[in-house]
Amino acid sequence: NDRYINLSIHTQNEMIGLSSLFQQKKFTYSTIALQETQAYLIEASSLQAILKENAAFAYNVIEQYCKENKRILEVLHHQSFKQMYARLASTLLYLNEFNNLSIFSLLTRKEIAAFAGLSTESTIKLLKEFEQENIIRLNDKEIQILNLNTLIKYSQM
């Protein structure tokens, strides 16, 4: 089975793997880089010691963890309760938050589908429908949102 779910995008200075900091020795998910990336591996025990000693740093880590947890709950809600149009619209809105990274040019249609919890074929079909309705413009891998209000409306269906 080559199906998977993409949960979130992380940018510079963000930590990944926080859910395994205190409980698990194995990670329950994998991470890939969309572009050239420099990452640092920090021993859990070292990070735990810093968190105990530095309240401001601990606050920032908790804030990031809560943001990631909120994103996971949003994905769970979308997957469980939203129809295909709404799931893709929600995904496009989420990914558009990273437009300064030209995010759509970094993702394949299969990866976008994995964010929406849809098949690649359904995603391509819906993207073409959104384009015919002048909600988005497709140009190779790029996706430009033309009608943000309609996309928001679709995401709430």
N, C-alpha and C. Protein backbone atom coordinates (compact mmCIF):
# COMPACT_ATOMS: atom_id res chain seq x y z
N ASN A 1 0.84 -1.18 0.00
CA ASN A 1 0.00 0.00 0.00
C ASN A 1 0.88 1.24 0.00
N ASP A 2 0.77 2.06 -1.04
CA ASP A 2 1.60 3.27 -1.10
C ASP A 2 0.80 4.52 -0.74
N ARG A 3 -0.29 4.34 0.00
CA ARG A 3 -1.09 5.49 0.45
C ARG A 3 -0.50 6.05 1.72
N TYR A 4 -0.52 7.35 1.82
CA TYR A 4 -0.03 8.02 3.01
C TYR A 4 -0.76 9.34 3.16
N ILE A 5 -0.61 9.97 4.30
CA ILE A 5 -1.22 11.27 4.55
C ILE A 5 -0.12 12.27 4.85
N ASN A 6 -0.15 13.39 4.18
CA ASN A 6 0.74 14.50 4.52
C ASN A 6 0.02 15.35 5.55
N LEU A 7 0.68 15.60 6.66
CA LEU A 7 0.04 16.35 7.75
C LEU A 7 0.36 17.83 7.73
N SER A 8 1.63 18.17 7.55
CA SER A 8 1.99 19.58 7.69
C SER A 8 3.29 19.88 6.98
N ILE A 9 3.53 21.17 6.85
CA ILE A 9 4.78 21.68 6.29
C ILE A 9 5.47 22.45 7.40
N HIS A 10 6.74 22.21 7.53
CA HIS A 10 7.54 22.94 8.52
C HIS A 10 8.52 23.84 7.79
N THR A 11 8.77 24.99 8.36
CA THR A 11 9.73 25.92 7.79
C THR A 11 10.92 26.03 8.73
N GLN A 12 11.82 26.93 8.41
CA GLN A 12 13.05 27.02 9.20
C GLN A 12 12.78 27.31 10.67
N ASN A 13 13.68 26.83 11.49
CA ASN A 13 13.64 27.03 12.95
C ASN A 13 12.47 26.34 13.63
N GLU A 14 11.90 25.34 13.00
CA GLU A 14 10.84 24.56 13.64
C GLU A 14 11.37 23.17 13.97
N MET A 15 10.86 22.63 15.05
CA MET A 15 11.26 21.29 15.47
C MET A 15 10.24 20.27 14.98
N ILE A 16 10.75 19.10 14.63
CA ILE A 16 9.86 17.99 14.28
C ILE A 16 10.19 16.84 15.21
N GLY A 17 9.21 16.01 15.46
CA GLY A 17 9.41 14.87 16.34
C GLY A 17 9.12 15.15 17.80
N LEU A 18 8.49 16.28 18.09
CA LEU A 18 8.21 16.63 19.49
C LEU A 18 7.28 15.62 20.16
N SER A 19 6.41 14.98 19.39
CA SER A 19 5.48 14.02 19.99
C SER A 19 6.21 12.81 20.57
N SER A 20 7.44 12.59 20.17
CA SER A 20 8.22 11.46 20.67
C SER A 20 9.20 11.86 21.78
N LEU A 21 9.17 13.10 22.18
CA LEU A 21 10.17 13.61 23.12
C LEU A 21 10.16 12.91 24.48
N PHE A 22 8.98 12.61 25.01
CA PHE A 22 8.90 12.03 26.34
C PHE A 22 8.38 10.60 26.38
N GLN A 23 7.73 10.15 25.33
CA GLN A 23 7.02 8.88 25.41
C GLN A 23 7.62 7.75 24.59
N GLN A 24 8.00 8.02 23.38
CA GLN A 24 8.33 6.94 22.46
C GLN A 24 9.79 6.99 22.04
N LYS A 25 10.32 5.83 21.79
CA LYS A 25 11.68 5.75 21.27
C LYS A 25 11.67 5.68 19.74
N LYS A 26 10.51 5.35 19.17
CA LYS A 26 10.38 5.27 17.73
C LYS A 26 9.46 6.39 17.25
N PHE A 27 9.79 6.96 16.11
CA PHE A 27 8.94 7.97 15.52
C PHE A 27 7.76 7.29 14.83
N THR A 28 6.60 7.91 14.92
CA THR A 28 5.39 7.32 14.34
C THR A 28 5.10 7.88 12.94
N TYR A 29 6.03 8.66 12.43
CA TYR A 29 5.85 9.23 11.09
C TYR A 29 7.22 9.52 10.50
N SER A 30 7.22 9.85 9.22
CA SER A 30 8.48 10.20 8.56
C SER A 30 8.40 11.62 8.04
N THR A 31 9.54 12.16 7.72
CA THR A 31 9.64 13.54 7.26
C THR A 31 10.49 13.56 6.00
N ILE A 32 10.10 14.40 5.05
CA ILE A 32 10.93 14.59 3.86
C ILE A 32 11.17 16.09 3.67
N ALA A 33 12.26 16.41 3.02
CA ALA A 33 12.57 17.81 2.70
C ALA A 33 12.10 18.10 1.28
N LEU A 34 11.44 19.22 1.09
CA LEU A 34 10.97 19.61 -0.23
C LEU A 34 12.05 20.37 -1.01
N GLN A 35 13.03 20.88 -0.30
CA GLN A 35 14.13 21.59 -0.93
C GLN A 35 15.37 21.41 -0.07
N GLU A 36 16.50 21.93 -0.53
CA GLU A 36 17.76 21.82 0.22
C GLU A 36 17.53 22.26 1.66
N THR A 37 17.90 21.39 2.59
CA THR A 37 17.60 21.62 4.00
C THR A 37 18.78 21.23 4.87
N GLN A 38 18.94 21.97 5.94
CA GLN A 38 19.92 21.60 6.96
C GLN A 38 19.14 21.29 8.22
N ALA A 39 19.35 20.10 8.76
CA ALA A 39 18.61 19.67 9.96
C ALA A 39 19.61 19.22 11.02
N TYR A 40 19.18 19.35 12.26
CA TYR A 40 20.03 18.95 13.38
C TYR A 40 19.28 17.93 14.23
N LEU A 41 19.99 16.90 14.63
CA LEU A 41 19.43 15.89 15.50
C LEU A 41 19.84 16.22 16.93
N ILE A 42 18.87 16.34 17.81
CA ILE A 42 19.13 16.67 19.20
C ILE A 42 18.69 15.50 20.06
N GLU A 43 19.56 15.04 20.91
CA GLU A 43 19.21 13.95 21.83
C GLU A 43 18.05 14.38 22.71
N ALA A 44 17.09 13.49 22.89
CA ALA A 44 15.91 13.80 23.70
C ALA A 44 16.30 14.23 25.11
N SER A 45 17.25 13.55 25.70
CA SER A 45 17.65 13.88 27.07
C SER A 45 18.25 15.29 27.16
N SER A 46 18.99 15.70 26.14
CA SER A 46 19.56 17.05 26.12
C SER A 46 18.46 18.10 26.00
N LEU A 47 17.51 17.84 25.11
CA LEU A 47 16.41 18.79 24.94
C LEU A 47 15.56 18.87 26.20
N GLN A 48 15.32 17.73 26.83
CA GLN A 48 14.56 17.73 28.09
C GLN A 48 15.26 18.56 29.15
N ALA A 49 16.56 18.47 29.25
CA ALA A 49 17.32 19.25 30.24
C ALA A 49 17.21 20.74 29.96
N ILE A 50 17.30 21.13 28.69
CA ILE A 50 17.17 22.55 28.32
C ILE A 50 15.77 23.05 28.65
N LEU A 51 14.76 22.24 28.37
CA LEU A 51 13.38 22.63 28.66
C LEU A 51 13.17 22.88 30.15
N LYS A 52 13.80 22.07 30.98
CA LYS A 52 13.68 22.24 32.44
C LYS A 52 14.34 23.52 32.93
N GLU A 53 15.39 23.94 32.25
CA GLU A 53 16.20 25.08 32.72
C GLU A 53 15.82 26.42 32.09
N ASN A 54 15.19 26.39 30.93
CA ASN A 54 14.96 27.63 30.19
C ASN A 54 13.46 27.78 29.89
N ALA A 55 12.79 28.56 30.72
CA ALA A 55 11.33 28.71 30.60
C ALA A 55 10.91 29.34 29.28
N ALA A 56 11.65 30.33 28.81
CA ALA A 56 11.28 31.00 27.55
C ALA A 56 11.38 30.03 26.38
N PHE A 57 12.45 29.24 26.37
CA PHE A 57 12.61 28.24 25.31
C PHE A 57 11.52 27.18 25.41
N ALA A 58 11.24 26.74 26.63
CA ALA A 58 10.19 25.74 26.85
C ALA A 58 8.84 26.26 26.36
N TYR A 59 8.57 27.54 26.62
CA TYR A 59 7.32 28.15 26.16
C TYR A 59 7.23 28.08 24.63
N ASN A 60 8.31 28.41 23.94
CA ASN A 60 8.32 28.37 22.48
C ASN A 60 8.11 26.95 21.95
N VAL A 61 8.71 25.97 22.61
CA VAL A 61 8.54 24.58 22.20
C VAL A 61 7.10 24.13 22.41
N ILE A 62 6.52 24.48 23.55
CA ILE A 62 5.12 24.13 23.83
C ILE A 62 4.20 24.80 22.82
N GLU A 63 4.48 26.06 22.50
CA GLU A 63 3.68 26.79 21.51
C GLU A 63 3.72 26.08 20.16
N GLN A 64 4.91 25.66 19.74
CA GLN A 64 5.03 24.95 18.46
C GLN A 64 4.32 23.60 18.51
N TYR A 65 4.46 22.89 19.62
CA TYR A 65 3.81 21.59 19.77
C TYR A 65 2.29 21.74 19.70
N CYS A 66 1.76 22.76 20.34
CA CYS A 66 0.30 23.00 20.31
C CYS A 66 -0.16 23.34 18.90
N LYS A 67 0.63 24.11 18.17
CA LYS A 67 0.30 24.46 16.78
C LYS A 67 0.26 23.19 15.92
N GLU A 68 1.24 22.31 16.11
CA GLU A 68 1.28 21.06 15.35
C GLU A 68 0.11 20.16 15.74
N ASN A 69 -0.21 20.10 17.01
CA ASN A 69 -1.34 19.29 17.48
C ASN A 69 -2.65 19.81 16.88
N LYS A 70 -2.81 21.12 16.84
CA LYS A 70 -4.00 21.73 16.24
C LYS A 70 -4.10 21.34 14.76
N ARG A 71 -2.98 21.35 14.06
CA ARG A 71 -2.97 20.99 12.64
C ARG A 71 -3.40 19.52 12.46
N ILE A 72 -2.90 18.64 13.31
CA ILE A 72 -3.26 17.22 13.22
C ILE A 72 -4.75 17.03 13.46
N LEU A 73 -5.30 17.75 14.43
CA LEU A 73 -6.74 17.65 14.69
C LEU A 73 -7.56 18.20 13.52
N GLU A 74 -7.07 19.26 12.88
CA GLU A 74 -7.75 19.79 11.68
C GLU A 74 -7.75 18.75 10.57
N VAL A 75 -6.62 18.10 10.36
CA VAL A 75 -6.54 17.06 9.32
C VAL A 75 -7.50 15.93 9.64
N LEU A 76 -7.54 15.50 10.88
CA LEU A 76 -8.46 14.44 11.30
C LEU A 76 -9.91 14.85 11.03
N HIS A 77 -10.25 16.07 11.36
CA HIS A 77 -11.61 16.58 11.11
C HIS A 77 -11.91 16.59 9.61
N HIS A 78 -10.98 17.11 8.81
CA HIS A 78 -11.19 17.18 7.36
C HIS A 78 -11.39 15.79 6.78
N GLN A 79 -10.53 14.85 7.19
CA GLN A 79 -10.61 13.49 6.66
C GLN A 79 -11.90 12.80 7.06
N SER A 80 -12.39 13.11 8.25
CA SER A 80 -13.55 12.40 8.79
C SER A 80 -14.88 12.98 8.35
N PHE A 81 -14.96 14.29 8.19
CA PHE A 81 -16.26 14.93 8.03
C PHE A 81 -16.46 15.73 6.75
N LYS A 82 -15.42 16.03 6.01
CA LYS A 82 -15.59 16.88 4.84
C LYS A 82 -15.66 16.06 3.56
N GLN A 83 -16.40 16.59 2.59
CA GLN A 83 -16.50 15.99 1.27
C GLN A 83 -15.25 16.34 0.46
N MET A 84 -15.12 15.74 -0.70
CA MET A 84 -13.90 15.91 -1.51
C MET A 84 -13.62 17.37 -1.86
N TYR A 85 -14.64 18.11 -2.32
CA TYR A 85 -14.44 19.52 -2.67
C TYR A 85 -13.87 20.30 -1.49
N ALA A 86 -14.46 20.09 -0.32
CA ALA A 86 -14.05 20.82 0.88
C ALA A 86 -12.65 20.43 1.31
N ARG A 87 -12.32 19.16 1.19
CA ARG A 87 -10.98 18.71 1.59
C ARG A 87 -9.91 19.31 0.69
N LEU A 88 -10.17 19.33 -0.61
CA LEU A 88 -9.18 19.92 -1.51
C LEU A 88 -9.10 21.43 -1.30
N ALA A 89 -10.24 22.08 -1.13
CA ALA A 89 -10.23 23.53 -0.89
C ALA A 89 -9.47 23.86 0.38
N SER A 90 -9.70 23.11 1.44
CA SER A 90 -8.98 23.32 2.71
C SER A 90 -7.48 23.11 2.52
N THR A 91 -7.13 22.11 1.75
CA THR A 91 -5.72 21.83 1.49
C THR A 91 -5.07 22.97 0.72
N LEU A 92 -5.74 23.47 -0.30
CA LEU A 92 -5.18 24.57 -1.08
C LEU A 92 -5.02 25.82 -0.22
N LEU A 93 -5.98 26.08 0.65
CA LEU A 93 -5.86 27.23 1.55
C LEU A 93 -4.68 27.05 2.51
N TYR A 94 -4.52 25.86 3.05
CA TYR A 94 -3.39 25.59 3.95
C TYR A 94 -2.06 25.77 3.22
N LEU A 95 -1.93 25.15 2.06
CA LEU A 95 -0.68 25.23 1.32
C LEU A 95 -0.39 26.65 0.85
N ASN A 96 -1.43 27.41 0.56
CA ASN A 96 -1.25 28.79 0.11
C ASN A 96 -0.60 29.66 1.20
N GLU A 97 -0.71 29.23 2.46
CA GLU A 97 -0.05 29.96 3.55
C GLU A 97 1.47 29.95 3.38
N PHE A 98 1.98 29.01 2.59
CA PHE A 98 3.42 28.88 2.35
C PHE A 98 3.79 29.36 0.95
N ASN A 99 2.97 30.23 0.39
CA ASN A 99 3.17 30.69 -0.98
C ASN A 99 4.51 31.40 -1.16
N ASN A 100 5.03 32.00 -0.08
CA ASN A 100 6.33 32.66 -0.18
C ASN A 100 7.45 31.66 -0.51
N LEU A 101 7.19 30.39 -0.33
CA LEU A 101 8.15 29.33 -0.68
C LEU A 101 7.89 28.76 -2.07
N SER A 102 6.94 29.33 -2.80
CA SER A 102 6.48 28.74 -4.07
C SER A 102 6.15 27.28 -3.86
N ILE A 103 5.36 27.04 -2.83
CA ILE A 103 5.10 25.69 -2.34
C ILE A 103 4.52 24.76 -3.40
N PHE A 104 3.63 25.29 -4.25
CA PHE A 104 2.99 24.41 -5.23
C PHE A 104 4.00 23.85 -6.24
N SER A 105 5.04 24.63 -6.55
CA SER A 105 6.05 24.14 -7.49
C SER A 105 6.91 23.04 -6.87
N LEU A 106 6.89 22.93 -5.54
CA LEU A 106 7.69 21.91 -4.85
C LEU A 106 6.93 20.60 -4.64
N LEU A 107 5.62 20.62 -4.86
CA LEU A 107 4.78 19.45 -4.58
C LEU A 107 4.25 18.83 -5.87
N THR A 108 4.19 17.52 -5.88
CA THR A 108 3.53 16.82 -6.98
C THR A 108 2.03 16.79 -6.71
N ARG A 109 1.27 16.45 -7.71
CA ARG A 109 -0.18 16.31 -7.52
C ARG A 109 -0.48 15.19 -6.52
N LYS A 110 0.35 14.15 -6.52
CA LYS A 110 0.18 13.05 -5.57
C LYS A 110 0.38 13.55 -4.14
N GLU A 111 1.36 14.42 -3.93
CA GLU A 111 1.61 14.96 -2.59
C GLU A 111 0.49 15.89 -2.15
N ILE A 112 -0.04 16.68 -3.07
CA ILE A 112 -1.20 17.53 -2.75
C ILE A 112 -2.38 16.64 -2.39
N ALA A 113 -2.58 15.57 -3.16
CA ALA A 113 -3.66 14.62 -2.86
C ALA A 113 -3.50 14.03 -1.47
N ALA A 114 -2.27 13.74 -1.07
CA ALA A 114 -2.02 13.16 0.26
C ALA A 114 -2.32 14.16 1.37
N PHE A 115 -2.20 15.45 1.11
CA PHE A 115 -2.62 16.45 2.09
C PHE A 115 -4.14 16.46 2.23
N ALA A 116 -4.84 16.24 1.11
CA ALA A 116 -6.30 16.28 1.11
C ALA A 116 -6.94 14.94 1.47
N GLY A 117 -6.15 13.88 1.48
CA GLY A 117 -6.71 12.56 1.75
C GLY A 117 -7.53 12.04 0.58
N LEU A 118 -7.09 12.39 -0.62
CA LEU A 118 -7.79 12.00 -1.84
C LEU A 118 -6.85 11.19 -2.73
N SER A 119 -7.42 10.53 -3.71
CA SER A 119 -6.58 9.87 -4.71
C SER A 119 -5.99 10.94 -5.62
N THR A 120 -4.89 10.60 -6.26
CA THR A 120 -4.27 11.54 -7.19
C THR A 120 -5.24 11.88 -8.31
N GLU A 121 -5.95 10.88 -8.81
CA GLU A 121 -6.88 11.09 -9.91
C GLU A 121 -8.00 12.05 -9.52
N SER A 122 -8.57 11.86 -8.33
CA SER A 122 -9.64 12.76 -7.87
C SER A 122 -9.12 14.17 -7.69
N THR A 123 -7.91 14.29 -7.19
CA THR A 123 -7.31 15.62 -6.98
C THR A 123 -7.14 16.34 -8.31
N ILE A 124 -6.60 15.65 -9.30
CA ILE A 124 -6.41 16.26 -10.62
C ILE A 124 -7.74 16.67 -11.21
N LYS A 125 -8.74 15.81 -11.10
CA LYS A 125 -10.09 16.12 -11.63
C LYS A 125 -10.67 17.35 -10.94
N LEU A 126 -10.57 17.40 -9.61
CA LEU A 126 -11.12 18.55 -8.87
C LEU A 126 -10.35 19.83 -9.15
N LEU A 127 -9.03 19.73 -9.30
CA LEU A 127 -8.24 20.92 -9.64
C LEU A 127 -8.71 21.49 -10.98
N LYS A 128 -8.96 20.62 -11.95
CA LYS A 128 -9.44 21.07 -13.26
C LYS A 128 -10.83 21.71 -13.14
N GLU A 129 -11.68 21.13 -12.28
CA GLU A 129 -13.00 21.73 -12.06
C GLU A 129 -12.88 23.11 -11.40
N PHE A 130 -12.00 23.22 -10.42
CA PHE A 130 -11.77 24.52 -9.77
C PHE A 130 -11.26 25.54 -10.79
N GLU A 131 -10.43 25.08 -11.73
CA GLU A 131 -9.92 25.98 -12.75
C GLU A 131 -11.04 26.41 -13.70
N GLN A 132 -11.91 25.48 -14.09
CA GLN A 132 -13.03 25.81 -14.97
C GLN A 132 -13.99 26.80 -14.31
N GLU A 133 -14.06 26.75 -12.98
CA GLU A 133 -14.92 27.68 -12.23
C GLU A 133 -14.20 28.98 -11.90
N ASN A 134 -12.99 29.15 -12.44
CA ASN A 134 -12.17 30.35 -12.20
C ASN A 134 -11.86 30.60 -10.73
N ILE A 135 -11.71 29.52 -9.98
CA ILE A 135 -11.32 29.62 -8.57
C ILE A 135 -9.79 29.61 -8.48
N ILE A 136 -9.16 28.83 -9.36
CA ILE A 136 -7.70 28.75 -9.40
C ILE A 136 -7.24 28.81 -10.84
N ARG A 137 -5.94 29.02 -11.02
CA ARG A 137 -5.31 28.92 -12.33
C ARG A 137 -4.19 27.90 -12.21
N LEU A 138 -4.15 26.95 -13.13
CA LEU A 138 -3.11 25.93 -13.16
C LEU A 138 -2.12 26.27 -14.26
N ASN A 139 -0.84 26.24 -13.92
CA ASN A 139 0.22 26.48 -14.89
C ASN A 139 1.37 25.54 -14.54
N ASP A 140 1.46 24.43 -15.26
CA ASP A 140 2.40 23.36 -14.91
C ASP A 140 2.13 22.94 -13.47
N LYS A 141 3.14 23.02 -12.60
CA LYS A 141 2.94 22.61 -11.21
C LYS A 141 2.36 23.74 -10.35
N GLU A 142 2.45 24.95 -10.84
CA GLU A 142 1.97 26.10 -10.06
C GLU A 142 0.45 26.13 -9.97
N ILE A 143 -0.04 26.55 -8.83
CA ILE A 143 -1.47 26.76 -8.61
C ILE A 143 -1.63 28.16 -8.05
N GLN A 144 -2.38 28.98 -8.77
CA GLN A 144 -2.63 30.35 -8.31
C GLN A 144 -4.09 30.46 -7.90
N ILE A 145 -4.33 30.94 -6.71
CA ILE A 145 -5.70 31.11 -6.23
C ILE A 145 -6.23 32.43 -6.78
N LEU A 146 -7.33 32.35 -7.53
CA LEU A 146 -7.94 33.53 -8.14
C LEU A 146 -9.11 34.05 -7.33
N ASN A 147 -9.86 33.14 -6.72
CA ASN A 147 -11.06 33.53 -5.98
C ASN A 147 -11.00 32.93 -4.58
N LEU A 148 -10.35 33.66 -3.69
CA LEU A 148 -10.14 33.18 -2.32
C LEU A 148 -11.46 32.97 -1.60
N ASN A 149 -12.42 33.87 -1.78
CA ASN A 149 -13.71 33.77 -1.08
C ASN A 149 -14.46 32.49 -1.45
N THR A 150 -14.47 32.15 -2.73
CA THR A 150 -15.14 30.92 -3.15
C THR A 150 -14.42 29.70 -2.61
N LEU A 151 -13.09 29.75 -2.60
CA LEU A 151 -12.33 28.63 -2.06
C LEU A 151 -12.60 28.45 -0.57
N ILE A 152 -12.70 29.54 0.16
CA ILE A 152 -13.04 29.48 1.58
C ILE A 152 -14.44 28.89 1.75
N LYS A 153 -15.37 29.34 0.91
CA LYS A 153 -16.75 28.82 0.97
C LYS A 153 -16.76 27.31 0.72
N TYR A 154 -16.03 26.85 -0.29
CA TYR A 154 -15.95 25.42 -0.58
C TYR A 154 -15.34 24.65 0.59
N SER A 155 -14.35 25.26 1.24
CA SER A 155 -13.66 24.56 2.34
C SER A 155 -14.58 24.35 3.54
N GLN A 156 -15.66 25.10 3.61
CA GLN A 156 -16.58 25.02 4.74
C GLN A 156 -17.78 24.12 4.45
N MET A 157 -17.82 23.53 3.27
CA MET A 157 -18.94 22.66 2.89
C MET A 157 -18.88 21.35 3.63
